[in-house]
């Protein structure tokens, strides 16, 4: 079981490195899920793989501002809009996820 889990982790990492575009988000979500599961299970790769496969990446990915996005019940990932907003906010010394208007003062 450990060998299977190890190969699954390696395969996921390789697939993530090869994928670009929409399909890559699912792989990224699964990879982040696997990392979290490995920490929660104290390094038990078999349990981590089972938990990851059960959730299938539905917990989203860590996104701008540190919140999760793209998963079930979460805000969608809008790459351009989210990154532009974050950059704009940083230029104005605000938090990256601030949605308020800039005052004219």
C-alpha atoms as a PDB file:
ATOM      1  CA  UNK A   1       0.000   0.000   0.000  1.00  0.00           C
ATOM      2  CA  UNK A   2       2.825   2.406   0.804  1.00  0.00           C
ATOM      3  CA  UNK A   3       4.444   1.833  -2.602  1.00  0.00           C
ATOM      4  CA  UNK A   4       1.111   2.481  -4.309  1.00  0.00           C
ATOM      5  CA  UNK A   5       0.643   5.680  -2.311  1.00  0.00           C
ATOM      6  CA  UNK A   6       4.165   6.837  -3.064  1.00  0.00           C
ATOM      7  CA  UNK A   7       3.685   6.238  -6.779  1.00  0.00           C
ATOM      8  CA  UNK A   8       0.373   8.081  -6.672  1.00  0.00           C
ATOM      9  CA  UNK A   9       2.034  11.114  -5.043  1.00  0.00           C
ATOM     10  CA  UNK A  10       4.838  11.069  -7.601  1.00  0.00           C
ATOM     11  CA  UNK A  11       2.404  10.678 -10.486  1.00  0.00           C
ATOM     12  CA  UNK A  12       0.340  13.616  -9.257  1.00  0.00           C
ATOM     13  CA  UNK A  13       3.423  15.811  -9.015  1.00  0.00           C
ATOM     14  CA  UNK A  14       4.509  14.869 -12.540  1.00  0.00           C
ATOM     15  CA  UNK A  15       1.052  15.487 -13.974  1.00  0.00           C
ATOM     16  CA  UNK A  16       0.913  18.899 -12.301  1.00  0.00           C
ATOM     17  CA  UNK A  17       4.224  19.856 -13.856  1.00  0.00           C
ATOM     18  CA  UNK A  18       2.948  18.859 -17.320  1.00  0.00           C
ATOM     19  CA  UNK A  19      -0.519  20.391 -17.237  1.00  0.00           C
ATOM     20  CA  UNK A  20      -1.403  23.926 -18.201  1.00  0.00           C
ATOM     21  CA  UNK A  21      -4.836  25.485 -18.377  1.00  0.00           C
ATOM     22  CA  UNK A  22      -8.176  24.513 -16.906  1.00  0.00           C
ATOM     23  CA  UNK A  23      -7.366  20.831 -16.439  1.00  0.00           C
ATOM     24  CA  UNK A  24      -4.383  21.809 -14.289  1.00  0.00           C
ATOM     25  CA  UNK A  25      -6.602  23.364 -11.601  1.00  0.00           C
ATOM     26  CA  UNK A  26      -8.052  19.983 -10.673  1.00  0.00           C
ATOM     27  CA  UNK A  27      -4.585  18.480 -10.385  1.00  0.00           C
ATOM     28  CA  UNK A  28      -3.434  21.423  -8.277  1.00  0.00           C
ATOM     29  CA  UNK A  29      -6.446  21.021  -5.977  1.00  0.00           C
ATOM     30  CA  UNK A  30      -5.713  17.311  -5.551  1.00  0.00           C
ATOM     31  CA  UNK A  31      -2.051  18.007  -4.853  1.00  0.00           C
ATOM     32  CA  UNK A  32      -2.871  20.569  -2.167  1.00  0.00           C
ATOM     33  CA  UNK A  33      -5.429  18.153  -0.725  1.00  0.00           C
ATOM     34  CA  UNK A  34      -2.778  15.417  -0.622  1.00  0.00           C
ATOM     35  CA  UNK A  35      -0.323  17.700   1.182  1.00  0.00           C
ATOM     36  CA  UNK A  36      -2.914  18.590   3.801  1.00  0.00           C
ATOM     37  CA  UNK A  37      -3.952  14.967   4.217  1.00  0.00           C
ATOM     38  CA  UNK A  38      -0.356  13.839   4.687  1.00  0.00           C
ATOM     39  CA  UNK A  39       0.068  16.408   7.459  1.00  0.00           C
ATOM     40  CA  UNK A  40      -3.232  15.450   9.127  1.00  0.00           C
ATOM     41  CA  UNK A  41      -2.454  11.728   9.067  1.00  0.00           C
ATOM     42  CA  UNK A  42       1.069  12.166  10.392  1.00  0.00           C
ATOM     43  CA  UNK A  43       2.607  10.956   7.140  1.00  0.00           C
ATOM     44  CA  UNK A  44       0.337   7.929   6.639  1.00  0.00           C
ATOM     45  CA  UNK A  45       0.445   7.830   2.835  1.00  0.00           C
ATOM     46  CA  UNK A  46      -2.252   5.161   2.506  1.00  0.00           C
ATOM     47  CA  UNK A  47      -4.796   7.134   4.542  1.00  0.00           C
ATOM     48  CA  UNK A  48      -3.807  10.361   2.768  1.00  0.00           C
ATOM     49  CA  UNK A  49      -4.398   8.826  -0.668  1.00  0.00           C
ATOM     50  CA  UNK A  50      -7.792   7.437   0.398  1.00  0.00           C
ATOM     51  CA  UNK A  51      -8.886  10.820   1.780  1.00  0.00           C
ATOM     52  CA  UNK A  52      -7.628  12.641  -1.304  1.00  0.00           C
ATOM     53  CA  UNK A  53      -9.402  10.279  -3.687  1.00  0.00           C
ATOM     54  CA  UNK A  54     -12.637  10.614  -1.692  1.00  0.00           C
ATOM     55  CA  UNK A  55     -12.595  14.418  -1.929  1.00  0.00           C
ATOM     56  CA  UNK A  56     -11.328  14.486  -5.534  1.00  0.00           C
ATOM     57  CA  UNK A  57     -10.039  18.055  -5.292  1.00  0.00           C
ATOM     58  CA  UNK A  58     -13.426  19.483  -4.315  1.00  0.00           C
ATOM     59  CA  UNK A  59     -11.858  21.575  -1.546  1.00  0.00           C
ATOM     60  CA  UNK A  60     -10.434  24.019  -4.110  1.00  0.00           C
ATOM     61  CA  UNK A  61      -6.990  25.610  -4.172  1.00  0.00           C
ATOM     62  CA  UNK A  62      -5.251  28.187  -2.023  1.00  0.00           C
ATOM     63  CA  UNK A  63      -5.785  31.453  -3.832  1.00  0.00           C
ATOM     64  CA  UNK A  64      -5.133  35.191  -3.699  1.00  0.00           C
ATOM     65  CA  UNK A  65      -5.254  36.404  -0.108  1.00  0.00           C
ATOM     66  CA  UNK A  66      -4.853  32.904   1.319  1.00  0.00           C
ATOM     67  CA  UNK A  67      -8.474  31.807   0.978  1.00  0.00           C
ATOM     68  CA  UNK A  68      -9.657  28.742  -0.932  1.00  0.00           C
ATOM     69  CA  UNK A  69     -11.291  29.131  -4.349  1.00  0.00           C
ATOM     70  CA  UNK A  70     -12.581  26.950  -7.151  1.00  0.00           C
ATOM     71  CA  UNK A  71     -14.001  24.185  -4.965  1.00  0.00           C
ATOM     72  CA  UNK A  72     -17.533  23.247  -3.976  1.00  0.00           C
ATOM     73  CA  UNK A  73     -19.332  26.247  -2.476  1.00  0.00           C
ATOM     74  CA  UNK A  74     -16.328  28.537  -3.016  1.00  0.00           C
ATOM     75  CA  UNK A  75     -15.824  31.556  -5.213  1.00  0.00           C
ATOM     76  CA  UNK A  76     -14.715  30.694  -8.740  1.00  0.00           C
ATOM     77  CA  UNK A  77     -11.134  31.298  -9.830  1.00  0.00           C
ATOM     78  CA  UNK A  78     -10.975  34.329 -12.110  1.00  0.00           C
ATOM     79  CA  UNK A  79      -7.279  34.442 -12.873  1.00  0.00           C
ATOM     80  CA  UNK A  80      -7.089  37.795 -14.646  1.00  0.00           C
ATOM     81  CA  UNK A  81      -9.556  39.658 -12.423  1.00  0.00           C
ATOM     82  CA  UNK A  82      -8.145  38.262  -9.177  1.00  0.00           C
ATOM     83  CA  UNK A  83      -4.516  38.943 -10.082  1.00  0.00           C
ATOM     84  CA  UNK A  84      -5.235  42.446 -11.411  1.00  0.00           C
ATOM     85  CA  UNK A  85      -7.215  43.320  -8.263  1.00  0.00           C
ATOM     86  CA  UNK A  86      -4.416  41.996  -6.048  1.00  0.00           C
ATOM     87  CA  UNK A  87      -1.757  43.962  -7.954  1.00  0.00           C
ATOM     88  CA  UNK A  88      -3.847  47.141  -7.906  1.00  0.00           C
ATOM     89  CA  UNK A  89      -4.421  46.797  -4.172  1.00  0.00           C
ATOM     90  CA  UNK A  90      -0.735  46.197  -3.482  1.00  0.00           C
ATOM     91  CA  UNK A  91       0.155  49.345  -5.434  1.00  0.00           C
ATOM     92  CA  UNK A  92      -2.202  51.259  -3.141  1.00  0.00           C
ATOM     93  CA  UNK A  93      -0.882  49.626   0.067  1.00  0.00           C
ATOM     94  CA  UNK A  94      -4.076  47.670   0.671  1.00  0.00           C
ATOM     95  CA  UNK A  95      -4.711  43.994   1.340  1.00  0.00           C
ATOM     96  CA  UNK A  96      -4.750  41.928  -1.852  1.00  0.00           C
ATOM     97  CA  UNK A  97      -8.415  40.972  -1.499  1.00  0.00           C
ATOM     98  CA  UNK A  98      -9.768  44.458  -0.704  1.00  0.00           C
ATOM     99  CA  UNK A  99     -12.820  45.207  -2.862  1.00  0.00           C
ATOM    100  CA  UNK A 100     -13.529  48.763  -1.680  1.00  0.00           C
ATOM    101  CA  UNK A 101     -13.111  51.801  -3.901  1.00  0.00           C
ATOM    102  CA  UNK A 102     -10.029  53.985  -3.574  1.00  0.00           C
ATOM    103  CA  UNK A 103     -10.859  57.304  -1.937  1.00  0.00           C
ATOM    104  CA  UNK A 104      -9.965  60.469  -3.855  1.00  0.00           C
ATOM    105  CA  UNK A 105      -8.300  62.075  -0.805  1.00  0.00           C
END
